[in-house]
C-alpha atoms as a PDB file:
ATOM      1  CA  MET A   1      78.890 -45.589 -38.253  1.00  0.00           C
ATOM      2  CA  ALA A   2      80.102 -47.196 -34.829  1.00  0.00           C
ATOM      3  CA  ALA A   3      76.464 -45.765 -34.498  1.00  0.00           C
ATOM      4  CA  SER A   4      74.618 -46.470 -37.156  1.00  0.00           C
ATOM      5  CA  ILE A   5      75.786 -50.092 -36.714  1.00  0.00           C
ATOM      6  CA  LEU A   6      74.579 -50.548 -32.340  1.00  0.00           C
ATOM      7  CA  ALA A   7      71.385 -48.576 -33.617  1.00  0.00           C
ATOM      8  CA  ASP A   8      70.653 -50.649 -36.369  1.00  0.00           C
ATOM      9  CA  GLY A   9      70.472 -53.472 -33.746  1.00  0.00           C
ATOM     10  CA  ALA A  10      69.436 -52.544 -31.425  1.00  0.00           C
ATOM     11  CA  PHE A  11      65.746 -52.295 -33.450  1.00  0.00           C
ATOM     12  CA  LEU A  12      67.227 -56.112 -35.140  1.00  0.00           C
ATOM     13  CA  ALA A  13      66.455 -56.132 -31.609  1.00  0.00           C
ATOM     14  CA  ASP A  14      62.818 -55.137 -30.364  1.00  0.00           C
ATOM     15  CA  ASP A  15      61.334 -56.733 -33.195  1.00  0.00           C
ATOM     16  CA  ALA A  16      62.378 -60.156 -31.970  1.00  0.00           C
ATOM     17  CA  GLU A  17      61.685 -58.888 -28.720  1.00  0.00           C
ATOM     18  CA  SER A  18      58.019 -58.535 -29.469  1.00  0.00           C
ATOM     19  CA  THR A  19      57.970 -62.391 -31.632  1.00  0.00           C
ATOM     20  CA  HIS A  20      59.585 -63.667 -28.429  1.00  0.00           C
ATOM     21  CA  LEU A  21      57.253 -61.971 -26.013  1.00  0.00           C
ATOM     22  CA  ARG A  22      54.094 -63.509 -27.660  1.00  0.00           C
ATOM     23  CA  LEU A  23      55.570 -66.650 -27.548  1.00  0.00           C
ATOM     24  CA  PHE A  24      56.666 -67.261 -24.001  1.00  0.00           C
ATOM     25  CA  ILE A  25      53.144 -65.815 -23.260  1.00  0.00           C
ATOM     26  CA  ALA A  26      51.335 -68.319 -25.979  1.00  0.00           C
ATOM     27  CA  HIS A  27      53.635 -71.021 -23.794  1.00  0.00           C
ATOM     28  CA  LEU A  28      52.080 -70.626 -20.111  1.00  0.00           C
ATOM     29  CA  VAL A  29      48.860 -69.882 -21.743  1.00  0.00           C
ATOM     30  CA  SER A  30      48.814 -73.802 -23.411  1.00  0.00           C
ATOM     31  CA  LEU A  31      50.943 -74.780 -20.146  1.00  0.00           C
ATOM     32  CA  LEU A  32      48.309 -73.553 -17.462  1.00  0.00           C
ATOM     33  CA  ALA A  33      45.757 -75.404 -19.925  1.00  0.00           C
ATOM     34  CA  ILE A  34      47.324 -78.613 -18.856  1.00  0.00           C
ATOM     35  CA  THR A  35      47.323 -77.754 -16.053  1.00  0.00           C
ATOM     36  CA  LEU A  36      44.649 -76.315 -14.540  1.00  0.00           C
ATOM     37  CA  LEU A  37      42.163 -78.108 -17.209  1.00  0.00           C
ATOM     38  CA  PRO A  38      40.804 -81.373 -15.286  1.00  0.00           C
ATOM     39  CA  PRO A  39      41.491 -84.841 -17.212  1.00  0.00           C
ATOM     40  CA  ARG A  40      39.182 -85.959 -19.924  1.00  0.00           C
ATOM     41  CA  ARG A  41      36.860 -88.868 -18.562  1.00  0.00           C
ATOM     42  CA  ASN A  42      37.741 -92.570 -20.170  1.00  0.00           C
ATOM     43  CA  ASP A  43      40.835 -91.696 -21.777  1.00  0.00           C
ATOM     44  CA  PRO A  44      43.043 -94.190 -21.403  1.00  0.00           C
ATOM     45  CA  LEU A  45      46.331 -91.667 -22.051  1.00  0.00           C
ATOM     46  CA  THR A  46      45.533 -89.631 -18.893  1.00  0.00           C
ATOM     47  CA  ARG A  47      43.831 -92.925 -16.497  1.00  0.00           C
ATOM     48  CA  ASP A  48      45.332 -93.834 -13.354  1.00  0.00           C
ATOM     49  CA  VAL A  49      47.201 -97.390 -13.990  1.00  0.00           C
ATOM     50  CA  ARG A  50      47.831 -97.935  -9.501  1.00  0.00           C
ATOM     51  CA  PRO A  51      47.595-101.318  -9.144  1.00  0.00           C
END
């Protein structure tokens, strides 16, 4: 009985693991896009406001 409970938990963890891996990769791609793409010109939110 204990072995079936452990095996069931392992298979459920595998399903969740693939979803979490996809979300992690999506977060990395969006972070790279935010940091590597240049800011838009004349955008009031990204302009340099130094005096």
